[in-house]
């Protein structure tokens, strides 16, 4: 069975939380990456920035829906959720737009588990970490799809 370590990308492009969104967007587009890990000054994984995080900036300002009951207002979205949406829409730095604490996989994870995770959770890119939580690679849908070509040519 193919494992993550067999197909992951180890030549990484990563961002700092303090990088500007415009720079990060340009790099993702130029490299044709769906996403890239975000690491702090010590090299620890703190998030992932994906195209979907950047596309969120194009959304309209979310106006919370409310309804009244017995002359009281009941919001249908939490204030914390609303604040997070506003921060993503107005993000100037990677830290404001990234998805913090992303789901990760280990190098020995089997590819079928990665595929299931990507399909079930709609992930396109997953950081690969070692047993100490250090970022050692990244695996994307493109990497998984390449295994289909290898299997059919053998």
N, C-alpha and C. Protein backbone atom coordinates (compact mmCIF):
# COMPACT_ATOMS: atom_id res chain seq x y z
N UNK A 1 0.85 -1.19 0.00
CA UNK A 1 0.00 0.00 0.00
C UNK A 1 0.89 1.25 0.00
N UNK A 2 0.52 2.20 -0.82
CA UNK A 2 1.26 3.46 -0.92
C UNK A 2 1.02 4.27 0.34
N UNK A 3 2.08 4.89 0.83
CA UNK A 3 2.00 5.74 2.03
C UNK A 3 2.33 7.17 1.66
N UNK A 4 1.96 8.08 2.54
CA UNK A 4 2.18 9.51 2.33
C UNK A 4 3.64 9.79 2.00
N UNK A 5 4.57 9.17 2.73
CA UNK A 5 6.00 9.44 2.53
C UNK A 5 6.46 9.08 1.11
N UNK A 6 5.71 8.22 0.43
CA UNK A 6 6.08 7.81 -0.93
C UNK A 6 5.74 8.87 -1.98
N UNK A 7 4.79 9.74 -1.67
CA UNK A 7 4.33 10.69 -2.70
C UNK A 7 4.28 12.14 -2.25
N UNK A 8 4.58 12.41 -0.97
CA UNK A 8 4.48 13.79 -0.47
C UNK A 8 5.54 14.69 -1.10
N UNK A 9 5.27 15.97 -1.09
CA UNK A 9 6.21 16.97 -1.56
C UNK A 9 7.02 17.45 -0.36
N UNK A 10 8.33 17.41 -0.50
CA UNK A 10 9.20 17.85 0.61
C UNK A 10 9.89 19.18 0.31
N UNK A 11 9.86 19.61 -0.94
CA UNK A 11 10.41 20.91 -1.32
C UNK A 11 9.29 21.93 -1.10
N UNK A 12 9.23 22.44 0.12
CA UNK A 12 8.06 23.20 0.55
C UNK A 12 8.15 24.70 0.29
N UNK A 13 7.02 25.25 -0.04
CA UNK A 13 6.80 26.69 -0.03
C UNK A 13 5.91 26.91 1.18
N UNK A 14 6.34 27.78 2.06
CA UNK A 14 5.52 28.05 3.25
C UNK A 14 5.44 29.56 3.46
N UNK A 15 4.50 29.94 4.29
CA UNK A 15 4.31 31.35 4.61
C UNK A 15 4.51 31.58 6.09
N UNK A 16 4.79 32.82 6.42
CA UNK A 16 4.84 33.27 7.80
C UNK A 16 3.49 33.90 8.11
N UNK A 17 3.05 33.85 9.36
CA UNK A 17 1.78 34.51 9.70
C UNK A 17 1.80 36.01 9.38
N UNK A 18 3.00 36.61 9.34
CA UNK A 18 3.11 38.05 9.09
C UNK A 18 3.24 38.42 7.62
N UNK A 19 3.24 37.43 6.73
CA UNK A 19 3.30 37.73 5.30
C UNK A 19 2.02 38.44 4.86
N UNK A 20 2.17 39.30 3.87
CA UNK A 20 1.01 40.01 3.33
C UNK A 20 0.20 39.08 2.43
N UNK A 21 -1.11 39.23 2.47
CA UNK A 21 -2.02 38.41 1.68
C UNK A 21 -1.72 38.54 0.18
N UNK A 22 -1.44 39.73 -0.28
CA UNK A 22 -1.18 39.94 -1.70
C UNK A 22 0.02 39.11 -2.16
N UNK A 23 1.08 39.08 -1.37
CA UNK A 23 2.28 38.29 -1.70
C UNK A 23 1.95 36.80 -1.71
N UNK A 24 1.24 36.34 -0.68
CA UNK A 24 0.89 34.92 -0.58
C UNK A 24 0.01 34.50 -1.75
N UNK A 25 -0.94 35.33 -2.11
CA UNK A 25 -1.83 35.03 -3.24
C UNK A 25 -1.03 34.91 -4.53
N UNK A 26 -0.12 35.83 -4.74
CA UNK A 26 0.71 35.81 -5.95
C UNK A 26 1.52 34.52 -6.02
N UNK A 27 2.10 34.09 -4.91
CA UNK A 27 2.90 32.87 -4.89
C UNK A 27 2.03 31.64 -5.18
N UNK A 28 0.87 31.56 -4.53
CA UNK A 28 -0.01 30.41 -4.77
C UNK A 28 -0.42 30.33 -6.25
N UNK A 29 -0.71 31.48 -6.84
CA UNK A 29 -1.11 31.49 -8.25
C UNK A 29 0.06 31.14 -9.17
N UNK A 30 1.22 31.73 -8.91
CA UNK A 30 2.39 31.46 -9.76
C UNK A 30 2.80 29.99 -9.71
N UNK A 31 2.74 29.41 -8.52
CA UNK A 31 3.17 28.02 -8.33
C UNK A 31 2.05 27.02 -8.65
N UNK A 32 0.84 27.55 -8.85
CA UNK A 32 -0.34 26.72 -9.09
C UNK A 32 -0.61 25.76 -7.93
N UNK A 33 -0.42 26.29 -6.71
CA UNK A 33 -0.68 25.53 -5.49
C UNK A 33 -2.07 25.87 -4.99
N UNK A 34 -2.76 24.86 -4.46
CA UNK A 34 -4.04 25.11 -3.82
C UNK A 34 -3.83 25.72 -2.44
N UNK A 35 -2.75 25.35 -1.80
CA UNK A 35 -2.49 25.86 -0.46
C UNK A 35 -1.06 25.62 -0.06
N UNK A 36 -0.67 26.26 1.04
CA UNK A 36 0.69 26.11 1.57
C UNK A 36 0.63 26.24 3.09
N UNK A 37 1.55 25.55 3.77
CA UNK A 37 1.58 25.64 5.23
C UNK A 37 2.03 27.01 5.71
N UNK A 38 1.61 27.35 6.92
CA UNK A 38 2.02 28.58 7.57
C UNK A 38 2.81 28.17 8.81
N UNK A 39 4.04 28.65 8.90
CA UNK A 39 4.91 28.29 10.02
C UNK A 39 5.36 29.54 10.76
N UNK A 40 5.55 29.38 12.08
CA UNK A 40 6.02 30.50 12.89
C UNK A 40 7.53 30.66 12.76
N UNK A 41 8.11 31.58 13.52
CA UNK A 41 9.54 31.88 13.40
C UNK A 41 10.42 30.70 13.82
N UNK A 42 9.86 29.75 14.55
CA UNK A 42 10.61 28.56 14.97
C UNK A 42 10.38 27.39 14.03
N UNK A 43 9.62 27.61 12.96
CA UNK A 43 9.37 26.57 11.99
C UNK A 43 8.23 25.63 12.35
N UNK A 44 7.47 25.95 13.37
CA UNK A 44 6.35 25.11 13.78
C UNK A 44 5.11 25.44 12.95
N UNK A 45 4.39 24.40 12.56
CA UNK A 45 3.16 24.57 11.79
C UNK A 45 2.10 25.26 12.65
N UNK A 46 1.57 26.37 12.17
CA UNK A 46 0.53 27.09 12.91
C UNK A 46 -0.77 27.21 12.11
N UNK A 47 -0.70 26.87 10.82
CA UNK A 47 -1.91 26.98 10.00
C UNK A 47 -1.64 26.56 8.57
N UNK A 48 -2.66 26.73 7.77
CA UNK A 48 -2.53 26.48 6.33
C UNK A 48 -3.33 27.58 5.62
N UNK A 49 -2.77 28.07 4.54
CA UNK A 49 -3.45 29.07 3.73
C UNK A 49 -3.81 28.43 2.41
N UNK A 50 -5.09 28.35 2.14
CA UNK A 50 -5.58 27.73 0.90
C UNK A 50 -6.29 28.78 0.05
N UNK A 51 -6.46 28.44 -1.21
CA UNK A 51 -7.17 29.34 -2.11
C UNK A 51 -8.56 29.66 -1.58
N UNK A 52 -9.20 28.69 -0.94
CA UNK A 52 -10.55 28.94 -0.40
C UNK A 52 -10.52 30.00 0.70
N UNK A 53 -9.42 30.07 1.45
CA UNK A 53 -9.29 31.13 2.46
C UNK A 53 -9.21 32.50 1.79
N UNK A 54 -8.54 32.55 0.66
CA UNK A 54 -8.40 33.81 -0.07
C UNK A 54 -9.68 34.20 -0.78
N UNK A 55 -10.38 33.21 -1.30
CA UNK A 55 -11.65 33.47 -1.98
C UNK A 55 -12.68 34.03 -0.99
N UNK A 56 -12.54 33.66 0.29
CA UNK A 56 -13.46 34.16 1.32
C UNK A 56 -13.45 35.68 1.37
N UNK A 57 -12.34 36.29 0.94
CA UNK A 57 -12.26 37.75 0.94
C UNK A 57 -13.21 38.39 -0.07
N UNK A 58 -13.70 37.61 -1.00
CA UNK A 58 -14.61 38.14 -2.01
C UNK A 58 -16.08 38.07 -1.59
N UNK A 59 -16.31 37.48 -0.41
CA UNK A 59 -17.69 37.37 0.08
C UNK A 59 -18.21 38.73 0.52
N UNK A 60 -19.51 38.85 0.50
CA UNK A 60 -20.14 40.04 1.05
C UNK A 60 -20.08 39.97 2.56
N UNK A 61 -20.17 41.12 3.19
CA UNK A 61 -20.19 41.18 4.64
C UNK A 61 -21.38 40.38 5.15
N UNK A 62 -21.14 39.42 6.04
CA UNK A 62 -22.24 38.59 6.52
C UNK A 62 -23.11 39.34 7.52
N UNK A 63 -24.36 39.50 7.17
CA UNK A 63 -25.30 40.14 8.09
C UNK A 63 -26.02 39.03 8.84
N UNK A 64 -25.85 39.03 10.17
CA UNK A 64 -26.46 37.93 10.92
C UNK A 64 -27.98 37.93 10.80
N UNK A 65 -28.52 36.76 10.69
CA UNK A 65 -29.96 36.61 10.64
C UNK A 65 -30.49 36.57 12.06
N UNK A 66 -31.59 37.26 12.29
CA UNK A 66 -32.19 37.25 13.62
C UNK A 66 -33.69 37.01 13.49
N UNK A 67 -34.27 36.53 14.55
CA UNK A 67 -35.72 36.47 14.58
C UNK A 67 -36.17 36.90 15.97
N UNK A 68 -37.42 37.30 16.07
CA UNK A 68 -37.91 37.78 17.35
C UNK A 68 -38.91 36.79 17.92
N UNK A 69 -38.88 36.69 19.21
CA UNK A 69 -39.85 35.88 19.93
C UNK A 69 -40.12 36.59 21.26
N UNK A 70 -41.36 36.86 21.53
CA UNK A 70 -41.75 37.59 22.73
C UNK A 70 -40.97 38.90 22.87
N UNK A 71 -40.88 39.63 21.76
CA UNK A 71 -40.20 40.92 21.71
C UNK A 71 -38.71 40.87 22.02
N UNK A 72 -38.10 39.69 21.96
CA UNK A 72 -36.65 39.56 22.15
C UNK A 72 -36.00 39.17 20.84
N UNK A 73 -34.78 39.57 20.65
CA UNK A 73 -34.03 39.23 19.44
C UNK A 73 -33.15 38.02 19.72
N UNK A 74 -33.18 37.07 18.80
CA UNK A 74 -32.36 35.88 18.93
C UNK A 74 -31.50 35.76 17.67
N UNK A 75 -30.18 35.97 17.83
CA UNK A 75 -29.31 35.85 16.66
C UNK A 75 -29.12 34.39 16.26
N UNK A 76 -29.05 34.15 14.95
CA UNK A 76 -28.85 32.80 14.46
C UNK A 76 -27.38 32.48 14.18
N UNK A 77 -26.51 33.47 14.37
CA UNK A 77 -25.07 33.23 14.27
C UNK A 77 -24.42 33.80 15.51
N UNK A 78 -23.36 33.19 15.97
CA UNK A 78 -22.69 33.69 17.16
C UNK A 78 -21.84 34.91 16.81
N UNK A 79 -21.60 35.73 17.80
CA UNK A 79 -20.77 36.91 17.61
C UNK A 79 -19.35 36.50 17.25
N UNK A 80 -18.85 35.44 17.86
CA UNK A 80 -17.49 34.96 17.57
C UNK A 80 -17.38 34.53 16.10
N UNK A 81 -18.39 33.82 15.60
CA UNK A 81 -18.38 33.39 14.20
C UNK A 81 -18.41 34.61 13.28
N UNK A 82 -19.22 35.59 13.61
CA UNK A 82 -19.32 36.81 12.82
C UNK A 82 -17.98 37.55 12.80
N UNK A 83 -17.31 37.65 13.95
CA UNK A 83 -16.01 38.32 14.02
C UNK A 83 -14.98 37.60 13.14
N UNK A 84 -14.99 36.27 13.16
CA UNK A 84 -14.04 35.50 12.35
C UNK A 84 -14.30 35.73 10.86
N UNK A 85 -15.56 35.77 10.45
CA UNK A 85 -15.90 36.03 9.05
C UNK A 85 -15.43 37.41 8.61
N UNK A 86 -15.65 38.41 9.46
CA UNK A 86 -15.23 39.78 9.15
C UNK A 86 -13.72 39.85 9.02
N UNK A 87 -12.99 39.15 9.92
CA UNK A 87 -11.53 39.16 9.87
C UNK A 87 -11.02 38.53 8.58
N UNK A 88 -11.64 37.42 8.14
CA UNK A 88 -11.20 36.77 6.89
C UNK A 88 -11.46 37.68 5.69
N UNK A 89 -12.61 38.33 5.67
CA UNK A 89 -12.96 39.20 4.54
C UNK A 89 -12.01 40.38 4.43
N UNK A 90 -11.58 40.90 5.57
CA UNK A 90 -10.75 42.10 5.57
C UNK A 90 -9.27 41.80 5.80
N UNK A 91 -8.86 40.56 5.69
CA UNK A 91 -7.49 40.15 6.01
C UNK A 91 -6.45 40.88 5.16
N UNK A 92 -5.41 41.32 5.84
CA UNK A 92 -4.26 41.92 5.16
C UNK A 92 -3.03 41.04 5.34
N UNK A 93 -3.05 40.22 6.39
CA UNK A 93 -1.94 39.32 6.69
C UNK A 93 -2.40 37.87 6.62
N UNK A 94 -1.45 36.98 6.36
CA UNK A 94 -1.74 35.55 6.28
C UNK A 94 -2.41 35.05 7.57
N UNK A 95 -1.94 35.53 8.72
CA UNK A 95 -2.50 35.08 10.01
C UNK A 95 -3.99 35.37 10.13
N UNK A 96 -4.48 36.38 9.43
CA UNK A 96 -5.88 36.75 9.50
C UNK A 96 -6.76 35.92 8.57
N UNK A 97 -6.16 35.31 7.56
CA UNK A 97 -6.95 34.56 6.57
C UNK A 97 -6.75 33.05 6.67
N UNK A 98 -5.64 32.61 7.25
CA UNK A 98 -5.31 31.19 7.28
C UNK A 98 -6.29 30.39 8.14
N UNK A 99 -6.28 29.09 7.91
CA UNK A 99 -7.00 28.17 8.78
C UNK A 99 -6.01 27.71 9.84
N UNK A 100 -6.26 28.07 11.11
CA UNK A 100 -5.31 27.68 12.16
C UNK A 100 -5.44 26.20 12.53
N UNK A 101 -4.38 25.65 13.09
CA UNK A 101 -4.36 24.27 13.55
C UNK A 101 -4.97 23.31 12.53
N UNK A 102 -4.37 23.21 11.36
CA UNK A 102 -4.95 22.37 10.31
C UNK A 102 -4.85 20.88 10.63
N UNK A 103 -5.70 20.11 9.99
CA UNK A 103 -5.63 18.65 10.07
C UNK A 103 -4.33 18.25 9.39
N UNK A 104 -3.59 17.34 10.00
CA UNK A 104 -2.32 16.89 9.45
C UNK A 104 -2.34 15.37 9.31
N UNK A 105 -1.37 14.87 8.55
CA UNK A 105 -1.17 13.43 8.42
C UNK A 105 0.29 13.12 8.71
N UNK A 106 0.56 11.87 9.01
CA UNK A 106 1.92 11.39 9.29
C UNK A 106 2.49 10.75 8.02
N UNK A 107 3.80 10.62 7.93
CA UNK A 107 4.41 10.03 6.73
C UNK A 107 3.99 8.59 6.48
N UNK A 108 3.64 7.84 7.53
CA UNK A 108 3.26 6.44 7.38
C UNK A 108 1.76 6.23 7.16
N UNK A 109 1.01 7.33 7.04
CA UNK A 109 -0.42 7.21 6.77
C UNK A 109 -0.62 6.62 5.38
N UNK A 110 -1.52 5.65 5.29
CA UNK A 110 -1.78 5.02 3.99
C UNK A 110 -2.62 5.94 3.12
N UNK A 111 -2.38 5.85 1.83
CA UNK A 111 -2.98 6.77 0.87
C UNK A 111 -4.51 6.68 0.83
N UNK A 112 -5.07 5.50 1.10
CA UNK A 112 -6.53 5.39 1.09
C UNK A 112 -7.15 6.21 2.22
N UNK A 113 -6.45 6.32 3.35
CA UNK A 113 -6.95 7.15 4.46
C UNK A 113 -6.87 8.63 4.11
N UNK A 114 -5.82 9.02 3.39
CA UNK A 114 -5.68 10.40 2.94
C UNK A 114 -6.80 10.73 1.95
N UNK A 115 -7.03 9.83 1.01
CA UNK A 115 -8.08 10.04 0.01
C UNK A 115 -9.45 10.20 0.68
N UNK A 116 -9.73 9.34 1.66
CA UNK A 116 -11.00 9.42 2.37
C UNK A 116 -11.13 10.75 3.10
N UNK A 117 -10.07 11.17 3.76
CA UNK A 117 -10.07 12.44 4.48
C UNK A 117 -10.31 13.60 3.51
N UNK A 118 -9.65 13.56 2.37
CA UNK A 118 -9.82 14.64 1.38
C UNK A 118 -11.24 14.69 0.84
N UNK A 119 -11.81 13.53 0.59
CA UNK A 119 -13.17 13.50 0.04
C UNK A 119 -14.20 13.86 1.12
N UNK A 120 -14.08 13.24 2.28
CA UNK A 120 -15.07 13.45 3.34
C UNK A 120 -15.07 14.88 3.89
N UNK A 121 -13.89 15.47 3.99
CA UNK A 121 -13.75 16.80 4.59
C UNK A 121 -13.51 17.91 3.57
N UNK A 122 -13.46 17.55 2.29
CA UNK A 122 -13.23 18.50 1.21
C UNK A 122 -11.89 19.25 1.37
N UNK A 123 -10.85 18.51 1.78
CA UNK A 123 -9.51 19.07 1.88
C UNK A 123 -8.80 18.86 0.55
N UNK A 124 -8.02 19.85 0.15
CA UNK A 124 -7.23 19.74 -1.07
C UNK A 124 -5.75 19.57 -0.76
N UNK A 125 -5.35 20.04 0.40
CA UNK A 125 -3.94 20.03 0.79
C UNK A 125 -3.84 19.68 2.27
N UNK A 126 -2.93 18.75 2.59
CA UNK A 126 -2.73 18.35 3.98
C UNK A 126 -1.24 18.43 4.34
N UNK A 127 -0.90 19.13 5.41
CA UNK A 127 0.48 19.15 5.87
C UNK A 127 0.86 17.77 6.43
N UNK A 128 2.12 17.40 6.24
CA UNK A 128 2.65 16.14 6.77
C UNK A 128 3.61 16.49 7.90
N UNK A 129 3.38 15.91 9.07
CA UNK A 129 4.22 16.19 10.23
C UNK A 129 4.81 14.89 10.78
N UNK A 130 5.98 15.02 11.43
CA UNK A 130 6.60 13.85 12.06
C UNK A 130 5.99 13.65 13.45
N UNK A 131 6.51 12.69 14.19
CA UNK A 131 5.96 12.38 15.52
C UNK A 131 6.10 13.52 16.52
N UNK A 132 7.02 14.46 16.24
CA UNK A 132 7.20 15.62 17.12
C UNK A 132 6.38 16.82 16.68
N UNK A 133 5.60 16.64 15.62
CA UNK A 133 4.77 17.72 15.12
C UNK A 133 5.48 18.68 14.19
N UNK A 134 6.70 18.33 13.78
CA UNK A 134 7.45 19.18 12.85
C UNK A 134 6.97 18.96 11.42
N UNK A 135 6.83 20.04 10.70
CA UNK A 135 6.41 19.99 9.30
C UNK A 135 7.53 19.38 8.46
N UNK A 136 7.19 18.30 7.73
CA UNK A 136 8.21 17.65 6.89
C UNK A 136 7.77 17.54 5.43
N UNK A 137 6.54 17.88 5.15
CA UNK A 137 6.07 17.78 3.77
C UNK A 137 4.63 18.23 3.65
N UNK A 138 4.12 18.05 2.46
CA UNK A 138 2.72 18.39 2.18
C UNK A 138 2.21 17.42 1.13
N UNK A 139 0.94 17.10 1.19
CA UNK A 139 0.34 16.22 0.20
C UNK A 139 -0.96 16.86 -0.28
N UNK A 140 -1.11 16.86 -1.59
CA UNK A 140 -2.30 17.46 -2.18
C UNK A 140 -3.05 16.47 -3.04
N UNK A 141 -4.21 16.88 -3.49
CA UNK A 141 -5.02 16.01 -4.36
C UNK A 141 -4.24 15.62 -5.61
N UNK A 142 -3.43 16.53 -6.10
CA UNK A 142 -2.63 16.25 -7.29
C UNK A 142 -1.69 15.07 -7.04
N UNK A 143 -1.08 15.02 -5.86
CA UNK A 143 -0.19 13.91 -5.50
C UNK A 143 -0.94 12.59 -5.47
N UNK A 144 -2.13 12.61 -4.90
CA UNK A 144 -2.95 11.40 -4.81
C UNK A 144 -3.37 10.95 -6.20
N UNK A 145 -3.76 11.89 -7.05
CA UNK A 145 -4.19 11.54 -8.41
C UNK A 145 -3.06 10.92 -9.23
N UNK A 146 -1.84 11.37 -8.99
CA UNK A 146 -0.70 10.81 -9.73
C UNK A 146 -0.53 9.32 -9.44
N UNK A 147 -0.97 8.86 -8.28
CA UNK A 147 -0.85 7.42 -7.97
C UNK A 147 -1.78 6.60 -8.85
N UNK A 148 -2.86 7.18 -9.32
CA UNK A 148 -3.77 6.47 -10.22
C UNK A 148 -3.11 6.20 -11.56
N UNK A 149 -2.34 7.14 -12.02
CA UNK A 149 -1.64 6.97 -13.30
C UNK A 149 -0.58 5.88 -13.18
N UNK A 150 0.15 5.90 -12.08
CA UNK A 150 1.18 4.87 -11.86
C UNK A 150 0.57 3.48 -11.80
N UNK A 151 -0.58 3.37 -11.11
CA UNK A 151 -1.23 2.06 -10.97
C UNK A 151 -1.72 1.52 -12.30
N UNK A 152 -2.19 2.38 -13.19
CA UNK A 152 -2.75 1.91 -14.45
C UNK A 152 -1.68 1.58 -15.49
N UNK A 153 -0.46 2.04 -15.29
CA UNK A 153 0.60 1.78 -16.26
C UNK A 153 1.46 0.57 -15.88
N UNK A 154 1.18 0.00 -14.73
CA UNK A 154 1.99 -1.15 -14.29
C UNK A 154 1.39 -2.46 -14.74
